[in-house]
Amino acid sequence: MPNVKLALWVRLEAKPGKETEVENFLKSGQALVEEEPETTAWFAIRMNQTTFGIFDVFQNEQGRQAHLAGRVAEALMAKAADLLARPPAIEKIDVIAAKLPESNVAESAA
């Protein structure tokens, strides 16, 4: 099981009328994140009508930096002015404890 130590918390505030577009953008981002082997877990969430977030975890700083330089971050910054009321609030945080699912080894053996 991966030992995650670092994370990113990104808060996104949609412009009025752009909520559905922000949600759809986040949903489409999952396919891009699937291509990032160093992103251990990634979550796109909706906190209320206009507030969204992204939470992702990494085993090391190299993985976190690769994600920040990746295709999802690039696409988000390209669309931010159109979709968001303010620039994304990106916080680098430390993970002090985590519970992640076991690897698929047990599933593939069944």
PDB file of N, CA and C in Angstrom:
ATOM      1  N   MET A   1       0.849  -1.177   0.000  1.00  0.00           N
ATOM      2  CA  MET A   1       0.000   0.000   0.000  1.00  0.00           C
ATOM      3  C   MET A   1       0.898   1.244   0.000  1.00  0.00           C
ATOM      4  N   PRO A   2       0.573   2.220  -0.830  1.00  0.00           N
ATOM      5  CA  PRO A   2       1.386   3.435  -0.875  1.00  0.00           C
ATOM      6  C   PRO A   2       1.343   4.199   0.447  1.00  0.00           C
ATOM      7  N   ASN A   3       2.451   4.794   0.797  1.00  0.00           N
ATOM      8  CA  ASN A   3       2.538   5.620   1.991  1.00  0.00           C
ATOM      9  C   ASN A   3       2.497   7.078   1.533  1.00  0.00           C
ATOM     10  N   VAL A   4       1.333   7.696   1.607  1.00  0.00           N
ATOM     11  CA  VAL A   4       1.200   9.077   1.146  1.00  0.00           C
ATOM     12  C   VAL A   4       1.644  10.028   2.241  1.00  0.00           C
ATOM     13  N   LYS A   5       2.383  11.045   1.833  1.00  0.00           N
ATOM     14  CA  LYS A   5       2.924  12.010   2.780  1.00  0.00           C
ATOM     15  C   LYS A   5       2.527  13.442   2.467  1.00  0.00           C
ATOM     16  N   LEU A   6       2.221  13.706   1.209  1.00  0.00           N
ATOM     17  CA  LEU A   6       1.950  15.068   0.772  1.00  0.00           C
ATOM     18  C   LEU A   6       0.624  15.140   0.033  1.00  0.00           C
ATOM     19  N   ALA A   7       0.046  16.336   0.013  1.00  0.00           N
ATOM     20  CA  ALA A   7      -1.238  16.519  -0.664  1.00  0.00           C
ATOM     21  C   ALA A   7      -1.340  17.925  -1.223  1.00  0.00           C
ATOM     22  N   LEU A   8      -2.367  18.095  -2.028  1.00  0.00           N
ATOM     23  CA  LEU A   8      -2.772  19.412  -2.510  1.00  0.00           C
ATOM     24  C   LEU A   8      -4.253  19.578  -2.224  1.00  0.00           C
ATOM     25  N   TRP A   9      -4.629  20.759  -1.785  1.00  0.00           N
ATOM     26  CA  TRP A   9      -6.028  21.127  -1.617  1.00  0.00           C
ATOM     27  C   TRP A   9      -6.237  22.358  -2.482  1.00  0.00           C
ATOM     28  N   VAL A  10      -7.140  22.255  -3.438  1.00  0.00           N
ATOM     29  CA  VAL A  10      -7.409  23.347  -4.369  1.00  0.00           C
ATOM     30  C   VAL A  10      -8.876  23.724  -4.245  1.00  0.00           C
ATOM     31  N   ARG A  11      -9.119  24.973  -3.883  1.00  0.00           N
ATOM     32  CA  ARG A  11     -10.493  25.466  -3.748  1.00  0.00           C
ATOM     33  C   ARG A  11     -10.829  26.284  -4.990  1.00  0.00           C
ATOM     34  N   LEU A  12     -11.992  25.979  -5.573  1.00  0.00           N
ATOM     35  CA  LEU A  12     -12.427  26.628  -6.802  1.00  0.00           C
ATOM     36  C   LEU A  12     -13.794  27.256  -6.581  1.00  0.00           C
ATOM     37  N   GLU A  13     -13.933  28.525  -6.916  1.00  0.00           N
ATOM     38  CA  GLU A  13     -15.202  29.234  -6.783  1.00  0.00           C
ATOM     39  C   GLU A  13     -15.696  29.577  -8.192  1.00  0.00           C
ATOM     40  N   ALA A  14     -16.794  28.938  -8.610  1.00  0.00           N
ATOM     41  CA  ALA A  14     -17.326  29.136  -9.957  1.00  0.00           C
ATOM     42  C   ALA A  14     -17.949  30.522 -10.104  1.00  0.00           C
ATOM     43  N   LYS A  15     -17.804  31.085 -11.295  1.00  0.00           N
ATOM     44  CA  LYS A  15     -18.523  32.314 -11.613  1.00  0.00           C
ATOM     45  C   LYS A  15     -20.014  31.987 -11.670  1.00  0.00           C
ATOM     46  N   PRO A  16     -20.868  32.963 -11.378  1.00  0.00           N
ATOM     47  CA  PRO A  16     -22.314  32.716 -11.488  1.00  0.00           C
ATOM     48  C   PRO A  16     -22.657  32.218 -12.901  1.00  0.00           C
ATOM     49  N   GLY A  17     -23.421  31.137 -12.947  1.00  0.00           N
ATOM     50  CA  GLY A  17     -23.820  30.562 -14.225  1.00  0.00           C
ATOM     51  C   GLY A  17     -22.823  29.580 -14.814  1.00  0.00           C
ATOM     52  N   LYS A  18     -21.646  29.439 -14.204  1.00  0.00           N
ATOM     53  CA  LYS A  18     -20.605  28.542 -14.725  1.00  0.00           C
ATOM     54  C   LYS A  18     -20.458  27.268 -13.897  1.00  0.00           C
ATOM     55  N   GLU A  19     -21.358  27.047 -12.948  1.00  0.00           N
ATOM     56  CA  GLU A  19     -21.235  25.902 -12.046  1.00  0.00           C
ATOM     57  C   GLU A  19     -21.214  24.570 -12.789  1.00  0.00           C
ATOM     58  N   THR A  20     -22.095  24.397 -13.741  1.00  0.00           N
ATOM     59  CA  THR A  20     -22.148  23.136 -14.487  1.00  0.00           C
ATOM     60  C   THR A  20     -20.874  22.932 -15.297  1.00  0.00           C
ATOM     61  N   GLU A  21     -20.363  24.004 -15.864  1.00  0.00           N
ATOM     62  CA  GLU A  21     -19.119  23.896 -16.633  1.00  0.00           C
ATOM     63  C   GLU A  21     -17.937  23.513 -15.740  1.00  0.00           C
ATOM     64  N   VAL A  22     -17.886  24.067 -14.535  1.00  0.00           N
ATOM     65  CA  VAL A  22     -16.816  23.702 -13.601  1.00  0.00           C
ATOM     66  C   VAL A  22     -16.945  22.224 -13.225  1.00  0.00           C
ATOM     67  N   GLU A  23     -18.159  21.786 -12.923  1.00  0.00           N
ATOM     68  CA  GLU A  23     -18.369  20.383 -12.579  1.00  0.00           C
ATOM     69  C   GLU A  23     -17.944  19.469 -13.737  1.00  0.00           C
ATOM     70  N   ASN A  24     -18.349  19.801 -14.938  1.00  0.00           N
ATOM     71  CA  ASN A  24     -17.983  18.986 -16.098  1.00  0.00           C
ATOM     72  C   ASN A  24     -16.481  18.994 -16.344  1.00  0.00           C
ATOM     73  N   PHE A  25     -15.846  20.139 -16.137  1.00  0.00           N
ATOM     74  CA  PHE A  25     -14.391  20.216 -16.280  1.00  0.00           C
ATOM     75  C   PHE A  25     -13.718  19.262 -15.297  1.00  0.00           C
ATOM     76  N   LEU A  26     -14.164  19.289 -14.048  1.00  0.00           N
ATOM     77  CA  LEU A  26     -13.571  18.413 -13.039  1.00  0.00           C
ATOM     78  C   LEU A  26     -13.785  16.941 -13.383  1.00  0.00           C
ATOM     79  N   LYS A  27     -14.973  16.595 -13.830  1.00  0.00           N
ATOM     80  CA  LYS A  27     -15.229  15.210 -14.228  1.00  0.00           C
ATOM     81  C   LYS A  27     -14.297  14.791 -15.359  1.00  0.00           C
ATOM     82  N   SER A  28     -14.086  15.657 -16.332  1.00  0.00           N
ATOM     83  CA  SER A  28     -13.220  15.321 -17.466  1.00  0.00           C
ATOM     84  C   SER A  28     -11.755  15.236 -17.031  1.00  0.00           C
ATOM     85  N   GLY A  29     -11.396  15.906 -15.958  1.00  0.00           N
ATOM     86  CA  GLY A  29     -10.023  15.871 -15.465  1.00  0.00           C
ATOM     87  C   GLY A  29      -9.600  14.515 -14.950  1.00  0.00           C
ATOM     88  N   GLN A  30     -10.556  13.688 -14.560  1.00  0.00           N
ATOM     89  CA  GLN A  30     -10.213  12.375 -14.022  1.00  0.00           C
ATOM     90  C   GLN A  30      -9.414  11.555 -15.030  1.00  0.00           C
ATOM     91  N   ALA A  31      -9.786  11.590 -16.298  1.00  0.00           N
ATOM     92  CA  ALA A  31      -9.070  10.815 -17.316  1.00  0.00           C
ATOM     93  C   ALA A  31      -7.616  11.256 -17.420  1.00  0.00           C
ATOM     94  N   LEU A  32      -7.366  12.552 -17.267  1.00  0.00           N
ATOM     95  CA  LEU A  32      -5.991  13.055 -17.322  1.00  0.00           C
ATOM     96  C   LEU A  32      -5.193  12.603 -16.107  1.00  0.00           C
ATOM     97  N   VAL A  33      -5.819  12.627 -14.945  1.00  0.00           N
ATOM     98  CA  VAL A  33      -5.138  12.225 -13.718  1.00  0.00           C
ATOM     99  C   VAL A  33      -4.832  10.725 -13.732  1.00  0.00           C
ATOM    100  N   GLU A  34      -5.684   9.942 -14.376  1.00  0.00           N
ATOM    101  CA  GLU A  34      -5.442   8.495 -14.478  1.00  0.00           C
ATOM    102  C   GLU A  34      -4.093   8.216 -15.142  1.00  0.00           C
ATOM    103  N   GLU A  35      -3.601   9.155 -15.947  1.00  0.00           N
ATOM    104  CA  GLU A  35      -2.328   9.001 -16.646  1.00  0.00           C
ATOM    105  C   GLU A  35      -1.131   9.428 -15.794  1.00  0.00           C
ATOM    106  N   GLU A  36      -1.359   9.851 -14.567  1.00  0.00           N
ATOM    107  CA  GLU A  36      -0.302  10.318 -13.674  1.00  0.00           C
ATOM    108  C   GLU A  36       0.028   9.238 -12.644  1.00  0.00           C
ATOM    109  N   PRO A  37       1.060   8.448 -12.881  1.00  0.00           N
ATOM    110  CA  PRO A  37       1.356   7.343 -11.960  1.00  0.00           C
ATOM    111  C   PRO A  37       1.736   7.795 -10.555  1.00  0.00           C
ATOM    112  N   GLU A  38       2.213   9.011 -10.398  1.00  0.00           N
ATOM    113  CA  GLU A  38       2.644   9.468  -9.076  1.00  0.00           C
ATOM    114  C   GLU A  38       1.546  10.168  -8.283  1.00  0.00           C
ATOM    115  N   THR A  39       0.359  10.312  -8.882  1.00  0.00           N
ATOM    116  CA  THR A  39      -0.792  10.816  -8.143  1.00  0.00           C
ATOM    117  C   THR A  39      -1.495   9.600  -7.554  1.00  0.00           C
ATOM    118  N   THR A  40      -1.335   9.401  -6.259  1.00  0.00           N
ATOM    119  CA  THR A  40      -1.830   8.198  -5.594  1.00  0.00           C
ATOM    120  C   THR A  40      -3.351   8.175  -5.517  1.00  0.00           C
ATOM    121  N   ALA A  41      -3.953   9.302  -5.174  1.00  0.00           N
ATOM    122  CA  ALA A  41      -5.414   9.412  -5.102  1.00  0.00           C
ATOM    123  C   ALA A  41      -5.792  10.836  -5.489  1.00  0.00           C
ATOM    124  N   TRP A  42      -6.950  10.977  -6.117  1.00  0.00           N
ATOM    125  CA  TRP A  42      -7.415  12.276  -6.604  1.00  0.00           C
ATOM    126  C   TRP A  42      -8.919  12.332  -6.418  1.00  0.00           C
ATOM    127  N   PHE A  43      -9.402  13.437  -5.870  1.00  0.00           N
ATOM    128  CA  PHE A  43     -10.825  13.619  -5.633  1.00  0.00           C
ATOM    129  C   PHE A  43     -11.247  14.999  -6.122  1.00  0.00           C
ATOM    130  N   ALA A  44     -12.326  15.059  -6.880  1.00  0.00           N
ATOM    131  CA  ALA A  44     -12.964  16.321  -7.239  1.00  0.00           C
ATOM    132  C   ALA A  44     -14.267  16.365  -6.460  1.00  0.00           C
ATOM    133  N   ILE A  45     -14.507  17.462  -5.767  1.00  0.00           N
ATOM    134  CA  ILE A  45     -15.675  17.545  -4.885  1.00  0.00           C
ATOM    135  C   ILE A  45     -16.459  18.825  -5.122  1.00  0.00           C
ATOM    136  N   ARG A  46     -17.699  18.802  -4.690  1.00  0.00           N
ATOM    137  CA  ARG A  46     -18.544  19.997  -4.708  1.00  0.00           C
ATOM    138  C   ARG A  46     -18.971  20.251  -3.271  1.00  0.00           C
ATOM    139  N   MET A  47     -18.669  21.446  -2.780  1.00  0.00           N
ATOM    140  CA  MET A  47     -18.976  21.777  -1.393  1.00  0.00           C
ATOM    141  C   MET A  47     -20.326  22.474  -1.244  1.00  0.00           C
ATOM    142  N   ASN A  48     -20.692  23.260  -2.238  1.00  0.00           N
ATOM    143  CA  ASN A  48     -22.005  23.905  -2.271  1.00  0.00           C
ATOM    144  C   ASN A  48     -22.285  24.308  -3.717  1.00  0.00           C
ATOM    145  N   GLN A  49     -23.265  25.134  -3.944  1.00  0.00           N
ATOM    146  CA  GLN A  49     -23.674  25.467  -5.312  1.00  0.00           C
ATOM    147  C   GLN A  49     -22.532  25.998  -6.176  1.00  0.00           C
ATOM    148  N   THR A  50     -21.661  26.827  -5.604  1.00  0.00           N
ATOM    149  CA  THR A  50     -20.619  27.466  -6.411  1.00  0.00           C
ATOM    150  C   THR A  50     -19.192  27.070  -6.030  1.00  0.00           C
ATOM    151  N   THR A  51     -19.017  26.350  -4.934  1.00  0.00           N
ATOM    152  CA  THR A  51     -17.680  26.029  -4.440  1.00  0.00           C
ATOM    153  C   THR A  51     -17.331  24.570  -4.704  1.00  0.00           C
ATOM    154  N   PHE A  52     -16.190  24.389  -5.356  1.00  0.00           N
ATOM    155  CA  PHE A  52     -15.693  23.067  -5.704  1.00  0.00           C
ATOM    156  C   PHE A  52     -14.293  22.909  -5.128  1.00  0.00           C
ATOM    157  N   GLY A  53     -13.794  21.694  -5.153  1.00  0.00           N
ATOM    158  CA  GLY A  53     -12.437  21.477  -4.670  1.00  0.00           C
ATOM    159  C   GLY A  53     -11.803  20.275  -5.330  1.00  0.00           C
ATOM    160  N   ILE A  54     -10.494  20.234  -5.244  1.00  0.00           N
ATOM    161  CA  ILE A  54      -9.701  19.086  -5.683  1.00  0.00           C
ATOM    162  C   ILE A  54      -8.781  18.740  -4.520  1.00  0.00           C
ATOM    163  N   PHE A  55      -8.761  17.469  -4.156  1.00  0.00           N
ATOM    164  CA  PHE A  55      -7.850  16.981  -3.132  1.00  0.00           C
ATOM    165  C   PHE A  55      -7.109  15.799  -3.722  1.00  0.00           C
ATOM    166  N   ASP A  56      -5.787  15.844  -3.688  1.00  0.00           N
ATOM    167  CA  ASP A  56      -5.007  14.734  -4.197  1.00  0.00           C
ATOM    168  C   ASP A  56      -3.802  14.493  -3.313  1.00  0.00           C
ATOM    169  N   VAL A  57      -3.330  13.240  -3.325  1.00  0.00           N
ATOM    170  CA  VAL A  57      -2.233  12.850  -2.439  1.00  0.00           C
ATOM    171  C   VAL A  57      -1.110  12.189  -3.234  1.00  0.00           C
ATOM    172  N   PHE A  58       0.101  12.292  -2.634  1.00  0.00           N
ATOM    173  CA  PHE A  58       1.322  11.855  -3.302  1.00  0.00           C
ATOM    174  C   PHE A  58       2.258  11.224  -2.278  1.00  0.00           C
ATOM    175  N   GLN A  59       3.147  10.374  -2.761  1.00  0.00           N
ATOM    176  CA  GLN A  59       4.133   9.750  -1.893  1.00  0.00           C
ATOM    177  C   GLN A  59       5.325  10.661  -1.643  1.00  0.00           C
ATOM    178  N   ASN A  60       5.582  11.593  -2.563  1.00  0.00           N
ATOM    179  CA  ASN A  60       6.759  12.452  -2.422  1.00  0.00           C
ATOM    180  C   ASN A  60       6.565  13.767  -3.176  1.00  0.00           C
ATOM    181  N   GLU A  61       7.510  14.675  -2.977  1.00  0.00           N
ATOM    182  CA  GLU A  61       7.432  15.996  -3.601  1.00  0.00           C
ATOM    183  C   GLU A  61       7.541  15.901  -5.121  1.00  0.00           C
ATOM    184  N   GLN A  62       8.287  14.938  -5.602  1.00  0.00           N
ATOM    185  CA  GLN A  62       8.424  14.757  -7.051  1.00  0.00           C
ATOM    186  C   GLN A  62       7.052  14.496  -7.690  1.00  0.00           C
ATOM    187  N   GLY A  63       6.262  13.653  -7.068  1.00  0.00           N
ATOM    188  CA  GLY A  63       4.922  13.365  -7.571  1.00  0.00           C
ATOM    189  C   GLY A  63       4.017  14.578  -7.520  1.00  0.00           C
ATOM    190  N   ARG A  64       4.106  15.332  -6.428  1.00  0.00           N
ATOM    191  CA  ARG A  64       3.275  16.529  -6.300  1.00  0.00           C
ATOM    192  C   ARG A  64       3.650  17.550  -7.362  1.00  0.00           C
ATOM    193  N   GLN A  65       4.938  17.747  -7.574  1.00  0.00           N
ATOM    194  CA  GLN A  65       5.379  18.708  -8.581  1.00  0.00           C
ATOM    195  C   GLN A  65       5.000  18.260  -9.995  1.00  0.00           C
ATOM    196  N   ALA A  66       5.079  16.956 -10.253  1.00  0.00           N
ATOM    197  CA  ALA A  66       4.682  16.438 -11.561  1.00  0.00           C
ATOM    198  C   ALA A  66       3.200  16.728 -11.814  1.00  0.00           C
ATOM    199  N   HIS A  67       2.376  16.589 -10.776  1.00  0.00           N
ATOM    200  CA  HIS A  67       0.953  16.881 -10.916  1.00  0.00           C
ATOM    201  C   HIS A  67       0.723  18.375 -11.167  1.00  0.00           C
ATOM    202  N   LEU A  68       1.419  19.216 -10.426  1.00  0.00           N
ATOM    203  CA  LEU A  68       1.269  20.661 -10.604  1.00  0.00           C
ATOM    204  C   LEU A  68       1.699  21.121 -11.985  1.00  0.00           C
ATOM    205  N   ALA A  69       2.598  20.369 -12.609  1.00  0.00           N
ATOM    206  CA  ALA A  69       3.064  20.703 -13.954  1.00  0.00           C
ATOM    207  C   ALA A  69       2.324  19.896 -15.018  1.00  0.00           C
ATOM    208  N   GLY A  70       1.326  19.108 -14.612  1.00  0.00           N
ATOM    209  CA  GLY A  70       0.649  18.192 -15.519  1.00  0.00           C
ATOM    210  C   GLY A  70      -0.477  18.824 -16.309  1.00  0.00           C
ATOM    211  N   ARG A  71      -1.164  17.961 -17.026  1.00  0.00           N
ATOM    212  CA  ARG A  71      -2.198  18.389 -17.965  1.00  0.00           C
ATOM    213  C   ARG A  71      -3.442  18.949 -17.290  1.00  0.00           C
ATOM    214  N   VAL A  72      -3.820  18.424 -16.128  1.00  0.00           N
ATOM    215  CA  VAL A  72      -5.004  18.949 -15.432  1.00  0.00           C
ATOM    216  C   VAL A  72      -4.740  20.376 -14.964  1.00  0.00           C
ATOM    217  N   ALA A  73      -3.580  20.594 -14.348  1.00  0.00           N
ATOM    218  CA  ALA A  73      -3.237  21.936 -13.879  1.00  0.00           C
ATOM    219  C   ALA A  73      -3.161  22.910 -15.052  1.00  0.00           C
ATOM    220  N   GLU A  74      -2.575  22.465 -16.144  1.00  0.00           N
ATOM    221  CA  GLU A  74      -2.469  23.320 -17.334  1.00  0.00           C
ATOM    222  C   GLU A  74      -3.857  23.681 -17.862  1.00  0.00           C
ATOM    223  N   ALA A  75      -4.741  22.701 -17.953  1.00  0.00           N
ATOM    224  CA  ALA A  75      -6.099  22.951 -18.431  1.00  0.00           C
ATOM    225  C   ALA A  75      -6.868  23.854 -17.473  1.00  0.00           C
ATOM    226  N   LEU A  76      -6.685  23.648 -16.181  1.00  0.00           N
ATOM    227  CA  LEU A  76      -7.374  24.480 -15.194  1.00  0.00           C
ATOM    228  C   LEU A  76      -6.944  25.938 -15.322  1.00  0.00           C
ATOM    229  N   MET A  77      -5.662  26.168 -15.435  1.00  0.00           N
ATOM    230  CA  MET A  77      -5.181  27.549 -15.547  1.00  0.00           C
ATOM    231  C   MET A  77      -5.649  28.193 -16.859  1.00  0.00           C
ATOM    232  N   ALA A  78      -5.767  27.405 -17.916  1.00  0.00           N
ATOM    233  CA  ALA A  78      -6.227  27.938 -19.199  1.00  0.00           C
ATOM    234  C   ALA A  78      -7.696  28.353 -19.135  1.00  0.00           C
ATOM    235  N   LYS A  79      -8.496  27.667 -18.314  1.00  0.00           N
ATOM    236  CA  LYS A  79      -9.930  27.940 -18.234  1.00  0.00           C
ATOM    237  C   LYS A  79     -10.320  28.787 -17.021  1.00  0.00           C
ATOM    238  N   ALA A  80      -9.395  29.032 -16.129  1.00  0.00           N
ATOM    239  CA  ALA A  80      -9.709  29.694 -14.863  1.00  0.00           C
ATOM    240  C   ALA A  80     -10.402  31.041 -15.055  1.00  0.00           C
ATOM    241  N   ALA A  81      -9.901  31.873 -15.941  1.00  0.00           N
ATOM    242  CA  ALA A  81     -10.474  33.212 -16.109  1.00  0.00           C
ATOM    243  C   ALA A  81     -11.917  33.148 -16.598  1.00  0.00           C
ATOM    244  N   ASP A  82     -12.238  32.155 -17.399  1.00  0.00           N
ATOM    245  CA  ASP A  82     -13.593  32.014 -17.929  1.00  0.00           C
ATOM    246  C   ASP A  82     -14.551  31.393 -16.924  1.00  0.00           C
ATOM    247  N   LEU A  83     -14.072  30.414 -16.148  1.00  0.00           N
ATOM    248  CA  LEU A  83     -14.959  29.636 -15.287  1.00  0.00           C
ATOM    249  C   LEU A  83     -15.005  30.079 -13.831  1.00  0.00           C
ATOM    250  N   LEU A  84     -13.919  30.671 -13.340  1.00  0.00           N
ATOM    251  CA  LEU A  84     -13.802  30.905 -11.908  1.00  0.00           C
ATOM    252  C   LEU A  84     -13.936  32.374 -11.528  1.00  0.00           C
ATOM    253  N   ALA A  85     -14.544  32.611 -10.368  1.00  0.00           N
ATOM    254  CA  ALA A  85     -14.734  33.965  -9.850  1.00  0.00           C
ATOM    255  C   ALA A  85     -13.426  34.569  -9.353  1.00  0.00           C
ATOM    256  N   ARG A  86     -12.473  33.702  -8.987  1.00  0.00           N
ATOM    257  CA  ARG A  86     -11.157  34.139  -8.519  1.00  0.00           C
ATOM    258  C   ARG A  86     -10.165  33.039  -8.866  1.00  0.00           C
ATOM    259  N   PRO A  87      -8.878  33.328  -8.866  1.00  0.00           N
ATOM    260  CA  PRO A  87      -7.897  32.278  -9.179  1.00  0.00           C
ATOM    261  C   PRO A  87      -8.014  31.105  -8.198  1.00  0.00           C
ATOM    262  N   PRO A  88      -7.682  29.894  -8.650  1.00  0.00           N
ATOM    263  CA  PRO A  88      -7.727  28.745  -7.758  1.00  0.00           C
ATOM    264  C   PRO A  88      -6.834  28.970  -6.533  1.00  0.00           C
ATOM    265  N   ALA A  89      -7.328  28.607  -5.368  1.00  0.00           N
ATOM    266  CA  ALA A  89      -6.538  28.692  -4.138  1.00  0.00           C
ATOM    267  C   ALA A  89      -5.874  27.335  -3.943  1.00  0.00           C
ATOM    268  N   ILE A  90      -4.560  27.262  -4.190  1.00  0.00           N
ATOM    269  CA  ILE A  90      -3.820  26.011  -4.130  1.00  0.00           C
ATOM    270  C   ILE A  90      -2.984  25.977  -2.860  1.00  0.00           C
ATOM    271  N   GLU A  91      -3.238  24.970  -2.027  1.00  0.00           N
ATOM    272  CA  GLU A  91      -2.485  24.813  -0.784  1.00  0.00           C
ATOM    273  C   GLU A  91      -1.728  23.498  -0.808  1.00  0.00           C
ATOM    274  N   LYS A  92      -0.439  23.567  -0.502  1.00  0.00           N
ATOM    275  CA  LYS A  92       0.374  22.370  -0.327  1.00  0.00           C
ATOM    276  C   LYS A  92       0.262  21.970   1.134  1.00  0.00           C
ATOM    277  N   ILE A  93      -0.132  20.722   1.375  1.00  0.00           N
ATOM    278  CA  ILE A  93      -0.338  20.272   2.747  1.00  0.00           C
ATOM    279  C   ILE A  93       0.354  18.935   2.985  1.00  0.00           C
ATOM    280  N   ASP A  94       0.591  18.630   4.261  1.00  0.00           N
ATOM    281  CA  ASP A  94       1.196  17.368   4.660  1.00  0.00           C
ATOM    282  C   ASP A  94       0.096  16.418   5.127  1.00  0.00           C
ATOM    283  N   VAL A  95       0.221  15.155   4.793  1.00  0.00           N
ATOM    284  CA  VAL A  95      -0.704  14.125   5.251  1.00  0.00           C
ATOM    285  C   VAL A  95      -0.100  13.512   6.511  1.00  0.00           C
ATOM    286  N   ILE A  96      -0.848  13.525   7.598  1.00  0.00           N
ATOM    287  CA  ILE A  96      -0.324  12.959   8.841  1.00  0.00           C
ATOM    288  C   ILE A  96      -0.851  11.547   9.102  1.00  0.00           C
ATOM    289  N   ALA A  97      -1.952  11.170   8.444  1.00  0.00           N
ATOM    290  CA  ALA A  97      -2.478   9.809   8.541  1.00  0.00           C
ATOM    291  C   ALA A  97      -3.415   9.589   7.359  1.00  0.00           C
ATOM    292  N   ALA A  98      -3.480   8.351   6.881  1.00  0.00           N
ATOM    293  CA  ALA A  98      -4.343   8.046   5.739  1.00  0.00           C
ATOM    294  C   ALA A  98      -4.776   6.596   5.759  1.00  0.00           C
ATOM    295  N   LYS A  99      -5.948   6.357   5.227  1.00  0.00           N
ATOM    296  CA  LYS A  99      -6.431   5.000   4.984  1.00  0.00           C
ATOM    297  C   LYS A  99      -6.738   4.916   3.495  1.00  0.00           C
ATOM    298  N   LEU A 100      -6.014   4.069   2.808  1.00  0.00           N
ATOM    299  CA  LEU A 100      -6.222   3.870   1.381  1.00  0.00           C
ATOM    300  C   LEU A 100      -6.601   2.425   1.140  1.00  0.00           C
ATOM    301  N   PRO A 101      -7.297   2.148   0.040  1.00  0.00           N
ATOM    302  CA  PRO A 101      -7.636   0.757  -0.249  1.00  0.00           C
ATOM    303  C   PRO A 101      -6.383  -0.056  -0.516  1.00  0.00           C
ATOM    304  N   GLU A 102      -6.470  -1.344  -0.231  1.00  0.00           N
ATOM    305  CA  GLU A 102      -5.371  -2.254  -0.553  1.00  0.00           C
ATOM    306  C   GLU A 102      -5.175  -2.249  -2.064  1.00  0.00           C
ATOM    307  N   SER A 103      -3.994  -2.639  -2.507  1.00  0.00           N
ATOM    308  CA  SER A 103      -3.738  -2.702  -3.944  1.00  0.00           C
ATOM    309  C   SER A 103      -4.616  -3.763  -4.580  1.00  0.00           C
ATOM    310  N   ASN A 104      -4.684  -3.763  -5.866  1.00  0.00           N
ATOM    311  CA  ASN A 104      -5.526  -4.703  -6.597  1.00  0.00           C
ATOM    312  C   ASN A 104      -4.948  -6.110  -6.653  1.00  0.00           C
ATOM    313  N   VAL A 105      -3.880  -6.381  -5.926  1.00  0.00           N
ATOM    314  CA  VAL A 105      -3.265  -7.707  -5.927  1.00  0.00           C
ATOM    315  C   VAL A 105      -4.262  -8.756  -5.463  1.00  0.00           C
ATOM    316  N   ALA A 106      -4.967  -8.483  -4.386  1.00  0.00           N
ATOM    317  CA  ALA A 106      -5.944  -9.453  -3.858  1.00  0.00           C
ATOM    318  C   ALA A 106      -7.092  -9.655  -4.852  1.00  0.00           C
ATOM    319  N   GLU A 107      -7.540  -8.576  -5.505  1.00  0.00           N
ATOM    320  CA  GLU A 107      -8.635  -8.685  -6.467  1.00  0.00           C
ATOM    321  C   GLU A 107      -8.228  -9.510  -7.679  1.00  0.00           C
ATOM    322  N   SER A 108      -7.007  -9.320  -8.158  1.00  0.00           N
ATOM    323  CA  SER A 108      -6.581 -10.047  -9.354  1.00  0.00           C
ATOM    324  C   SER A 108      -6.332 -11.516  -9.048  1.00  0.00           C
ATOM    325  N   ALA A 109      -6.087 -11.864  -7.795  1.00  0.00           N
ATOM    326  CA  ALA A 109      -5.865 -13.264  -7.425  1.00  0.00           C
ATOM    327  C   ALA A 109      -7.170 -14.046  -7.331  1.00  0.00           C
ATOM    328  N   ALA A 110      -8.274 -13.319  -7.163  1.00  0.00           N
ATOM    329  CA  ALA A 110      -9.582 -13.985  -7.003  1.00  0.00           C
ATOM    330  C   ALA A 110     -10.127 -14.515  -8.314  1.00  0.00           C
TER     331      ALA A 110
END
